[in-house]
Amino acid sequence: IPEETKNLVNEYRTKLIEGTAEESDLLLAKFMNDPDSIDEEE
């Protein structure tokens, strides 16, 4: 991932995971404890 794109990637990936977590109480709990614990398949 190019250096100049990393901040943008982090911003949009965080938004994506936040939005995903809101879809499920189980994922929301995982997100609150450790956002990185939500895997690709989830």
All heavy atoms as atom14 arrays in JSON, in Angstrom:
{
  "sequence": "IPEETKNLVNEYRTKLIEGTAEESDLLLAKFMNDPDSIDEEE",
  "atom14_mask": [
    [1, 1, 1, 1, 1, 1, 1, 1, 0, 0, 0, 0, 0, 0],
    [1, 1, 1, 1, 1, 1, 1, 0, 0, 0, 0, 0, 0, 0],
    [1, 1, 1, 1, 1, 1, 1, 1, 1, 0, 0, 0, 0, 0],
    [1, 1, 1, 1, 1, 1, 1, 1, 1, 0, 0, 0, 0, 0],
    [1, 1, 1, 1, 1, 1, 1, 0, 0, 0, 0, 0, 0, 0],
    [1, 1, 1, 1, 1, 1, 1, 1, 1, 0, 0, 0, 0, 0],
    [1, 1, 1, 1, 1, 1, 1, 1, 0, 0, 0, 0, 0, 0],
    [1, 1, 1, 1, 1, 1, 1, 1, 0, 0, 0, 0, 0, 0],
    [1, 1, 1, 1, 1, 1, 1, 0, 0, 0, 0, 0, 0, 0],
    [1, 1, 1, 1, 1, 1, 1, 1, 0, 0, 0, 0, 0, 0],
    [1, 1, 1, 1, 1, 1, 1, 1, 1, 0, 0, 0, 0, 0],
    [1, 1, 1, 1, 1, 1, 1, 1, 1, 1, 1, 1, 0, 0],
    [1, 1, 1, 1, 1, 1, 1, 1, 1, 1, 1, 0, 0, 0],
    [1, 1, 1, 1, 1, 1, 1, 0, 0, 0, 0, 0, 0, 0],
    [1, 1, 1, 1, 1, 1, 1, 1, 1, 0, 0, 0, 0, 0],
    [1, 1, 1, 1, 1, 1, 1, 1, 0, 0, 0, 0, 0, 0],
    [1, 1, 1, 1, 1, 1, 1, 1, 0, 0, 0, 0, 0, 0],
    [1, 1, 1, 1, 1, 1, 1, 1, 1, 0, 0, 0, 0, 0],
    [1, 1, 1, 1, 0, 0, 0, 0, 0, 0, 0, 0, 0, 0],
    [1, 1, 1, 1, 1, 1, 1, 0, 0, 0, 0, 0, 0, 0],
    [1, 1, 1, 1, 1, 0, 0, 0, 0, 0, 0, 0, 0, 0],
    [1, 1, 1, 1, 1, 1, 1, 1, 1, 0, 0, 0, 0, 0],
    [1, 1, 1, 1, 1, 1, 1, 1, 1, 0, 0, 0, 0, 0],
    [1, 1, 1, 1, 1, 1, 0, 0, 0, 0, 0, 0, 0, 0],
    [1, 1, 1, 1, 1, 1, 1, 1, 0, 0, 0, 0, 0, 0],
    [1, 1, 1, 1, 1, 1, 1, 1, 0, 0, 0, 0, 0, 0],
    [1, 1, 1, 1, 1, 1, 1, 1, 0, 0, 0, 0, 0, 0],
    [1, 1, 1, 1, 1, 1, 1, 1, 0, 0, 0, 0, 0, 0],
    [1, 1, 1, 1, 1, 0, 0, 0, 0, 0, 0, 0, 0, 0],
    [1, 1, 1, 1, 1, 1, 1, 1, 1, 0, 0, 0, 0, 0],
    [1, 1, 1, 1, 1, 1, 1, 1, 1, 1, 1, 0, 0, 0],
    [1, 1, 1, 1, 1, 1, 1, 1, 0, 0, 0, 0, 0, 0],
    [1, 1, 1, 1, 1, 1, 1, 1, 0, 0, 0, 0, 0, 0],
    [1, 1, 1, 1, 1, 1, 1, 1, 0, 0, 0, 0, 0, 0],
    [1, 1, 1, 1, 1, 1, 1, 0, 0, 0, 0, 0, 0, 0],
    [1, 1, 1, 1, 1, 1, 1, 1, 0, 0, 0, 0, 0, 0],
    [1, 1, 1, 1, 1, 1, 0, 0, 0, 0, 0, 0, 0, 0],
    [1, 1, 1, 1, 1, 1, 1, 1, 0, 0, 0, 0, 0, 0],
    [1, 1, 1, 1, 1, 1, 1, 1, 0, 0, 0, 0, 0, 0],
    [1, 1, 1, 1, 1, 1, 1, 1, 1, 0, 0, 0, 0, 0],
    [1, 1, 1, 1, 1, 1, 1, 1, 1, 0, 0, 0, 0, 0],
    [1, 1, 1, 1, 1, 1, 1, 1, 1, 0, 0, 0, 0, 0]
  ],
  "atom14_positions": [
    [[0.87, -1.19, 0.0], [0.0, 0.0, 0.0], [0.9, 1.23, 0.0], [1.74, 1.38, 0.88], [-0.92, 0.02, 1.23], [-1.84, -1.21, 1.22], [-1.76, 1.31, 1.27], [-2.7, -1.37, 2.47], [0.0, 0.0, 0.0], [0.0, 0.0, 0.0], [0.0, 0.0, 0.0], [0.0, 0.0, 0.0], [0.0, 0.0, 0.0], [0.0, 0.0, 0.0]],
    [[0.76, 2.11, -1.0], [1.64, 3.29, -1.07], [1.51, 4.17, 0.18], [0.42, 4.3, 0.75], [1.14, 4.04, -2.31], [0.41, 3.01, -3.12], [-0.18, 2.06, -2.13], [0.0, 0.0, 0.0], [0.0, 0.0, 0.0], [0.0, 0.0, 0.0], [0.0, 0.0, 0.0], [0.0, 0.0, 0.0], [0.0, 0.0, 0.0], [0.0, 0.0, 0.0]],
    [[2.63, 4.76, 0.59], [2.65, 5.61, 1.8], [1.61, 6.7, 1.74], [0.91, 6.98, 2.72], [4.04, 6.23, 1.98], [5.08, 5.34, 2.62], [4.71, 4.86, 4.02], [4.13, 5.65, 4.78], [4.98, 3.69, 4.32], [0.0, 0.0, 0.0], [0.0, 0.0, 0.0], [0.0, 0.0, 0.0], [0.0, 0.0, 0.0], [0.0, 0.0, 0.0]],
    [[1.5, 7.35, 0.56], [0.59, 8.5, 0.45], [-0.89, 8.1, 0.5], [-1.78, 8.95, 0.63], [0.86, 9.29, -0.85], [0.6, 8.54, -2.14], [1.8, 7.72, -2.62], [2.73, 7.48, -1.81], [1.79, 7.32, -3.8], [0.0, 0.0, 0.0], [0.0, 0.0, 0.0], [0.0, 0.0, 0.0], [0.0, 0.0, 0.0], [0.0, 0.0, 0.0]],
    [[-1.16, 6.79, 0.42], [-2.55, 6.31, 0.44], [-2.93, 5.74, 1.8], [-4.11, 5.56, 2.09], [-2.74, 5.21, -0.64], [-2.17, 5.66, -1.87], [-4.2, 4.88, -0.89], [0.0, 0.0, 0.0], [0.0, 0.0, 0.0], [0.0, 0.0, 0.0], [0.0, 0.0, 0.0], [0.0, 0.0, 0.0], [0.0, 0.0, 0.0], [0.0, 0.0, 0.0]],
    [[-1.95, 5.51, 2.67], [-2.2, 4.79, 3.93], [-3.21, 5.49, 4.84], [-4.08, 4.84, 5.42], [-0.88, 4.55, 4.67], [-0.08, 3.38, 4.08], [1.15, 3.06, 4.89], [1.87, 1.84, 4.3], [3.14, 1.55, 4.99], [0.0, 0.0, 0.0], [0.0, 0.0, 0.0], [0.0, 0.0, 0.0], [0.0, 0.0, 0.0], [0.0, 0.0, 0.0]],
    [[-3.13, 6.81, 4.97], [-4.07, 7.53, 5.84], [-5.5, 7.38, 5.35], [-6.44, 7.18, 6.12], [-3.7, 9.02, 5.94], [-2.45, 9.24, 6.78], [-2.09, 8.37, 7.58], [-1.8, 10.36, 6.59], [0.0, 0.0, 0.0], [0.0, 0.0, 0.0], [0.0, 0.0, 0.0], [0.0, 0.0, 0.0], [0.0, 0.0, 0.0], [0.0, 0.0, 0.0]],
    [[-5.67, 7.49, 4.03], [-6.99, 7.35, 3.42], [-7.52, 5.93, 3.62], [-8.71, 5.74, 3.94], [-6.9, 7.68, 1.92], [-8.18, 8.08, 1.19], [-8.78, 9.34, 1.8], [-7.88, 8.3, -0.29], [0.0, 0.0, 0.0], [0.0, 0.0, 0.0], [0.0, 0.0, 0.0], [0.0, 0.0, 0.0], [0.0, 0.0, 0.0], [0.0, 0.0, 0.0]],
    [[-6.65, 4.95, 3.44], [-7.03, 3.55, 3.64], [-7.48, 3.33, 5.08], [-8.52, 2.71, 5.34], [-5.87, 2.6, 3.27], [-6.17, 1.16, 3.71], [-5.59, 2.64, 1.78], [0.0, 0.0, 0.0], [0.0, 0.0, 0.0], [0.0, 0.0, 0.0], [0.0, 0.0, 0.0], [0.0, 0.0, 0.0], [0.0, 0.0, 0.0], [0.0, 0.0, 0.0]],
    [[-6.7, 3.84, 6.04], [-7.04, 3.67, 7.46], [-8.38, 4.31, 7.78], [-9.21, 3.74, 8.5], [-5.95, 4.27, 8.35], [-4.66, 3.46, 8.3], [-4.7, 2.26, 7.99], [-3.53, 4.09, 8.58], [0.0, 0.0, 0.0], [0.0, 0.0, 0.0], [0.0, 0.0, 0.0], [0.0, 0.0, 0.0], [0.0, 0.0, 0.0], [0.0, 0.0, 0.0]],
    [[-8.62, 5.51, 7.21], [-9.87, 6.23, 7.47], [-11.07, 5.43, 6.95], [-12.05, 5.22, 7.69], [-9.82, 7.61, 6.78], [-11.1, 8.4, 6.91], [-11.12, 9.62, 5.99], [-10.04, 10.04, 5.5], [-12.23, 10.15, 5.73], [0.0, 0.0, 0.0], [0.0, 0.0, 0.0], [0.0, 0.0, 0.0], [0.0, 0.0, 0.0], [0.0, 0.0, 0.0]],
    [[-11.0, 4.97, 5.7], [-12.14, 4.28, 5.11], [-12.3, 2.86, 5.64], [-13.43, 2.35, 5.72], [-12.05, 4.3, 3.57], [-12.6, 5.57, 3.0], [-11.8, 6.7, 2.85], [-13.95, 5.67, 2.64], [-12.32, 7.89, 2.36], [-14.47, 6.85, 2.14], [-13.65, 7.96, 2.0], [-14.17, 9.14, 1.52], [0.0, 0.0, 0.0], [0.0, 0.0, 0.0]],
    [[-11.18, 2.23, 6.02], [-11.29, 0.88, 6.59], [-11.95, 0.95, 7.98], [-12.77, 0.1, 8.32], [-9.92, 0.23, 6.67], [-10.0, -1.24, 7.06], [-8.73, -2.01, 6.78], [-9.01, -3.43, 6.81], [-8.96, -4.17, 7.92], [-8.61, -3.62, 9.07], [-9.25, -5.46, 7.88], [0.0, 0.0, 0.0], [0.0, 0.0, 0.0], [0.0, 0.0, 0.0]],
    [[-11.59, 1.98, 8.75], [-12.21, 2.16, 10.07], [-13.71, 2.39, 9.93], [-14.51, 1.81, 10.66], [-11.56, 3.36, 10.81], [-10.16, 3.11, 10.94], [-12.17, 3.54, 12.19], [0.0, 0.0, 0.0], [0.0, 0.0, 0.0], [0.0, 0.0, 0.0], [0.0, 0.0, 0.0], [0.0, 0.0, 0.0], [0.0, 0.0, 0.0], [0.0, 0.0, 0.0]],
    [[-14.1, 3.23, 8.95], [-15.53, 3.47, 8.7], [-16.24, 2.18, 8.33], [-17.37, 1.91, 8.78], [-15.69, 4.48, 7.55], [-15.41, 5.92, 7.91], [-15.63, 6.79, 6.68], [-15.28, 8.25, 6.96], [-15.4, 9.08, 5.74], [0.0, 0.0, 0.0], [0.0, 0.0, 0.0], [0.0, 0.0, 0.0], [0.0, 0.0, 0.0], [0.0, 0.0, 0.0]],
    [[-15.58, 1.37, 7.5], [-16.17, 0.11, 7.04], [-16.4, -0.84, 8.21], [-17.47, -1.42, 8.36], [-15.25, -0.55, 6.0], [-15.71, -1.89, 5.41], [-16.98, -1.72, 4.59], [-14.61, -2.5, 4.55], [0.0, 0.0, 0.0], [0.0, 0.0, 0.0], [0.0, 0.0, 0.0], [0.0, 0.0, 0.0], [0.0, 0.0, 0.0], [0.0, 0.0, 0.0]],
    [[-15.38, -0.98, 9.08], [-15.49, -1.9, 10.21], [-16.51, -1.39, 11.23], [-17.29, -2.16, 11.79], [-14.1, -2.12, 10.86], [-13.2, -2.86, 9.87], [-14.23, -2.94, 12.14], [-11.75, -2.97, 10.3], [0.0, 0.0, 0.0], [0.0, 0.0, 0.0], [0.0, 0.0, 0.0], [0.0, 0.0, 0.0], [0.0, 0.0, 0.0], [0.0, 0.0, 0.0]],
    [[-16.55, -0.07, 11.44], [-17.54, 0.51, 12.35], [-18.96, 0.22, 11.85], [-19.83, -0.2, 12.61], [-17.36, 2.03, 12.45], [-16.26, 2.46, 13.4], [-16.08, 3.98, 13.42], [-16.85, 4.68, 12.74], [-15.17, 4.44, 14.11], [0.0, 0.0, 0.0], [0.0, 0.0, 0.0], [0.0, 0.0, 0.0], [0.0, 0.0, 0.0], [0.0, 0.0, 0.0]],
    [[-19.17, 0.45, 10.56], [-20.49, 0.21, 9.97], [-20.87, -1.25, 10.04], [-22.03, -1.6, 10.31], [0.0, 0.0, 0.0], [0.0, 0.0, 0.0], [0.0, 0.0, 0.0], [0.0, 0.0, 0.0], [0.0, 0.0, 0.0], [0.0, 0.0, 0.0], [0.0, 0.0, 0.0], [0.0, 0.0, 0.0], [0.0, 0.0, 0.0], [0.0, 0.0, 0.0]],
    [[-19.89, -2.14, 9.83], [-20.14, -3.57, 9.9], [-20.53, -3.98, 11.31], [-21.46, -4.76, 11.52], [-18.88, -4.35, 9.46], [-18.52, -3.95, 8.14], [-19.13, -5.85, 9.48], [0.0, 0.0, 0.0], [0.0, 0.0, 0.0], [0.0, 0.0, 0.0], [0.0, 0.0, 0.0], [0.0, 0.0, 0.0], [0.0, 0.0, 0.0], [0.0, 0.0, 0.0]],
    [[-19.81, -3.43, 12.29], [-20.06, -3.78, 13.7], [-21.48, -3.4, 14.12], [-22.1, -4.1, 14.95], [-19.04, -3.08, 14.59], [0.0, 0.0, 0.0], [0.0, 0.0, 0.0], [0.0, 0.0, 0.0], [0.0, 0.0, 0.0], [0.0, 0.0, 0.0], [0.0, 0.0, 0.0], [0.0, 0.0, 0.0], [0.0, 0.0, 0.0], [0.0, 0.0, 0.0]],
    [[-22.01, -2.33, 13.54], [-23.36, -1.89, 13.9], [-24.44, -2.86, 13.43], [-25.58, -2.79, 13.87], [-23.62, -0.49, 13.32], [-22.82, 0.6, 14.02], [-22.93, 1.94, 13.31], [-23.7, 2.02, 12.33], [-22.27, 2.89, 13.73], [0.0, 0.0, 0.0], [0.0, 0.0, 0.0], [0.0, 0.0, 0.0], [0.0, 0.0, 0.0], [0.0, 0.0, 0.0]],
    [[-24.08, -3.77, 12.51], [-25.04, -4.73, 11.98], [-25.34, -5.87, 12.94], [-26.31, -6.59, 12.78], [-24.5, -5.33, 10.67], [-24.42, -4.37, 9.51], [-25.78, -4.07, 8.92], [-26.6, -4.99, 8.78], [-26.04, -2.89, 8.62], [0.0, 0.0, 0.0], [0.0, 0.0, 0.0], [0.0, 0.0, 0.0], [0.0, 0.0, 0.0], [0.0, 0.0, 0.0]],
    [[-24.46, -6.04, 13.95], [-24.61, -7.21, 14.83], [-24.14, -6.86, 16.23], [-23.08, -6.25, 16.41], [-23.78, -8.36, 14.25], [-23.37, -9.26, 15.24], [0.0, 0.0, 0.0], [0.0, 0.0, 0.0], [0.0, 0.0, 0.0], [0.0, 0.0, 0.0], [0.0, 0.0, 0.0], [0.0, 0.0, 0.0], [0.0, 0.0, 0.0], [0.0, 0.0, 0.0]],
    [[-24.92, -7.26, 17.25], [-24.54, -7.01, 18.64], [-23.24, -7.72, 18.99], [-22.4, -7.19, 19.72], [-25.65, -7.48, 19.59], [-26.9, -6.63, 19.48], [-26.78, -5.48, 18.99], [-27.99, -7.1, 19.85], [0.0, 0.0, 0.0], [0.0, 0.0, 0.0], [0.0, 0.0, 0.0], [0.0, 0.0, 0.0], [0.0, 0.0, 0.0], [0.0, 0.0, 0.0]],
    [[-23.09, -8.93, 18.43], [-21.88, -9.71, 18.7], [-20.64, -9.0, 18.14], [-19.61, -8.89, 18.82], [-22.01, -11.1, 18.06], [-20.87, -12.09, 18.31], [-20.8, -12.46, 19.78], [-21.04, -13.34, 17.46], [0.0, 0.0, 0.0], [0.0, 0.0, 0.0], [0.0, 0.0, 0.0], [0.0, 0.0, 0.0], [0.0, 0.0, 0.0], [0.0, 0.0, 0.0]],
    [[-20.76, -8.49, 16.89], [-19.64, -7.78, 16.28], [-19.38, -6.45, 16.98], [-18.23, -6.01, 17.08], [-19.88, -7.56, 14.79], [-19.86, -8.79, 13.89], [-19.93, -8.37, 12.43], [-18.61, -9.62, 14.11], [0.0, 0.0, 0.0], [0.0, 0.0, 0.0], [0.0, 0.0, 0.0], [0.0, 0.0, 0.0], [0.0, 0.0, 0.0], [0.0, 0.0, 0.0]],
    [[-20.44, -5.81, 17.44], [-20.28, -4.54, 18.14], [-19.47, -4.74, 19.42], [-18.59, -3.93, 19.74], [-21.65, -3.94, 18.46], [-21.66, -2.49, 18.94], [-21.0, -1.56, 17.92], [-23.08, -2.03, 19.23], [0.0, 0.0, 0.0], [0.0, 0.0, 0.0], [0.0, 0.0, 0.0], [0.0, 0.0, 0.0], [0.0, 0.0, 0.0], [0.0, 0.0, 0.0]],
    [[-19.74, -5.84, 20.11], [-18.98, -6.15, 21.33], [-17.51, -6.41, 20.98], [-16.6, -5.94, 21.68], [-19.59, -7.38, 22.02], [0.0, 0.0, 0.0], [0.0, 0.0, 0.0], [0.0, 0.0, 0.0], [0.0, 0.0, 0.0], [0.0, 0.0, 0.0], [0.0, 0.0, 0.0], [0.0, 0.0, 0.0], [0.0, 0.0, 0.0], [0.0, 0.0, 0.0]],
    [[-17.28, -7.15, 19.88], [-15.9, -7.41, 19.45], [-15.2, -6.1, 19.07], [-14.03, -5.9, 19.39], [-15.89, -8.36, 18.24], [-16.21, -9.79, 18.58], [-16.18, -10.69, 17.35], [-14.77, -11.09, 16.98], [-14.73, -12.13, 15.93], [0.0, 0.0, 0.0], [0.0, 0.0, 0.0], [0.0, 0.0, 0.0], [0.0, 0.0, 0.0], [0.0, 0.0, 0.0]],
    [[-15.95, -5.21, 18.41], [-15.38, -3.94, 17.97], [-14.98, -3.07, 19.17], [-13.93, -2.42, 19.15], [-16.39, -3.19, 17.09], [-15.92, -1.84, 16.62], [-14.99, -1.75, 15.58], [-16.38, -0.68, 17.19], [-14.54, -0.52, 15.13], [-15.93, 0.57, 16.76], [-15.02, 0.64, 15.72], [0.0, 0.0, 0.0], [0.0, 0.0, 0.0], [0.0, 0.0, 0.0]],
    [[-15.83, -3.07, 20.19], [-15.54, -2.25, 21.39], [-14.28, -2.76, 22.11], [-13.51, -1.98, 22.63], [-16.73, -2.28, 22.36], [-18.01, -1.74, 21.76], [-17.91, -0.04, 21.2], [-17.99, 0.83, 22.76], [0.0, 0.0, 0.0], [0.0, 0.0, 0.0], [0.0, 0.0, 0.0], [0.0, 0.0, 0.0], [0.0, 0.0, 0.0], [0.0, 0.0, 0.0]],
    [[-14.09, -4.08, 22.1], [-12.93, -4.67, 22.79], [-11.67, -4.57, 21.93], [-10.61, -4.19, 22.43], [-13.2, -6.13, 23.15], [-14.28, -6.26, 24.21], [-14.36, -5.42, 25.1], [-15.1, -7.29, 24.1], [0.0, 0.0, 0.0], [0.0, 0.0, 0.0], [0.0, 0.0, 0.0], [0.0, 0.0, 0.0], [0.0, 0.0, 0.0], [0.0, 0.0, 0.0]],
    [[-11.81, -4.95, 20.66], [-10.64, -4.95, 19.77], [-11.12, -4.94, 18.31], [-11.51, -5.98, 17.78], [-9.78, -6.2, 20.03], [-8.57, -6.26, 19.1], [-8.28, -5.25, 18.44], [-7.95, -7.34, 19.02], [0.0, 0.0, 0.0], [0.0, 0.0, 0.0], [0.0, 0.0, 0.0], [0.0, 0.0, 0.0], [0.0, 0.0, 0.0], [0.0, 0.0, 0.0]],
    [[-11.11, -3.75, 17.66], [-11.6, -3.65, 16.27], [-10.92, -4.63, 15.32], [-11.53, -5.1, 14.36], [-11.3, -2.2, 15.89], [-11.2, -1.47, 17.19], [-10.67, -2.46, 18.17], [0.0, 0.0, 0.0], [0.0, 0.0, 0.0], [0.0, 0.0, 0.0], [0.0, 0.0, 0.0], [0.0, 0.0, 0.0], [0.0, 0.0, 0.0], [0.0, 0.0, 0.0]],
    [[-9.64, -4.94, 15.58], [-8.9, -5.83, 14.68], [-9.32, -7.29, 14.81], [-8.9, -8.13, 14.02], [-7.4, -5.71, 14.94], [-6.86, -4.34, 14.56], [-7.45, -3.72, 13.64], [-5.88, -3.87, 15.18], [0.0, 0.0, 0.0], [0.0, 0.0, 0.0], [0.0, 0.0, 0.0], [0.0, 0.0, 0.0], [0.0, 0.0, 0.0], [0.0, 0.0, 0.0]],
    [[-10.16, -7.59, 15.82], [-10.57, -8.99, 16.01], [-11.7, -9.38, 15.05], [-12.04, -10.56, 14.93], [-11.03, -9.22, 17.46], [-12.21, -8.48, 17.73], [0.0, 0.0, 0.0], [0.0, 0.0, 0.0], [0.0, 0.0, 0.0], [0.0, 0.0, 0.0], [0.0, 0.0, 0.0], [0.0, 0.0, 0.0], [0.0, 0.0, 0.0], [0.0, 0.0, 0.0]],
    [[-12.29, -8.4, 14.35], [-13.33, -8.71, 13.36], [-12.64, -9.17, 12.08], [-11.84, -8.43, 11.49], [-14.22, -7.48, 13.09], [-14.93, -7.04, 14.37], [-15.24, -7.78, 12.0], [-15.77, -5.79, 14.23], [0.0, 0.0, 0.0], [0.0, 0.0, 0.0], [0.0, 0.0, 0.0], [0.0, 0.0, 0.0], [0.0, 0.0, 0.0], [0.0, 0.0, 0.0]],
    [[-12.92, -10.39, 11.65], [-12.19, -10.94, 10.5], [-12.92, -10.66, 9.18], [-14.06, -10.17, 9.16], [-11.89, -12.43, 10.67], [-13.15, -13.28, 10.74], [-14.16, -12.93, 10.09], [-13.13, -14.31, 11.45], [0.0, 0.0, 0.0], [0.0, 0.0, 0.0], [0.0, 0.0, 0.0], [0.0, 0.0, 0.0], [0.0, 0.0, 0.0], [0.0, 0.0, 0.0]],
    [[-12.26, -11.01, 8.08], [-12.77, -10.74, 6.73], [-14.15, -11.35, 6.5], [-15.05, -10.7, 5.95], [-11.81, -11.29, 5.67], [-10.58, -10.47, 5.44], [-9.72, -11.08, 4.33], [-10.28, -11.42, 3.26], [-8.51, -11.22, 4.54], [0.0, 0.0, 0.0], [0.0, 0.0, 0.0], [0.0, 0.0, 0.0], [0.0, 0.0, 0.0], [0.0, 0.0, 0.0]],
    [[-14.3, -12.63, 6.9], [-15.56, -13.33, 6.62], [-16.74, -12.69, 7.34], [-17.86, -12.65, 6.83], [-15.43, -14.82, 7.0], [-14.45, -15.6, 6.13], [-14.7, -15.41, 4.64], [-15.86, -15.52, 4.21], [-13.73, -15.14, 3.9], [0.0, 0.0, 0.0], [0.0, 0.0, 0.0], [0.0, 0.0, 0.0], [0.0, 0.0, 0.0], [0.0, 0.0, 0.0]],
    [[-16.48, -12.18, 8.56], [-17.56, -11.51, 9.31], [-17.96, -10.2, 8.63], [-19.14, -9.86, 8.56], [-17.09, -11.24, 10.75], [-17.0, -12.5, 11.59], [-16.36, -12.24, 12.95], [-15.38, -11.46, 13.02], [-16.84, -12.83, 13.94], [0.0, 0.0, 0.0], [0.0, 0.0, 0.0], [0.0, 0.0, 0.0], [0.0, 0.0, 0.0], [0.0, 0.0, 0.0]]
  ]
}
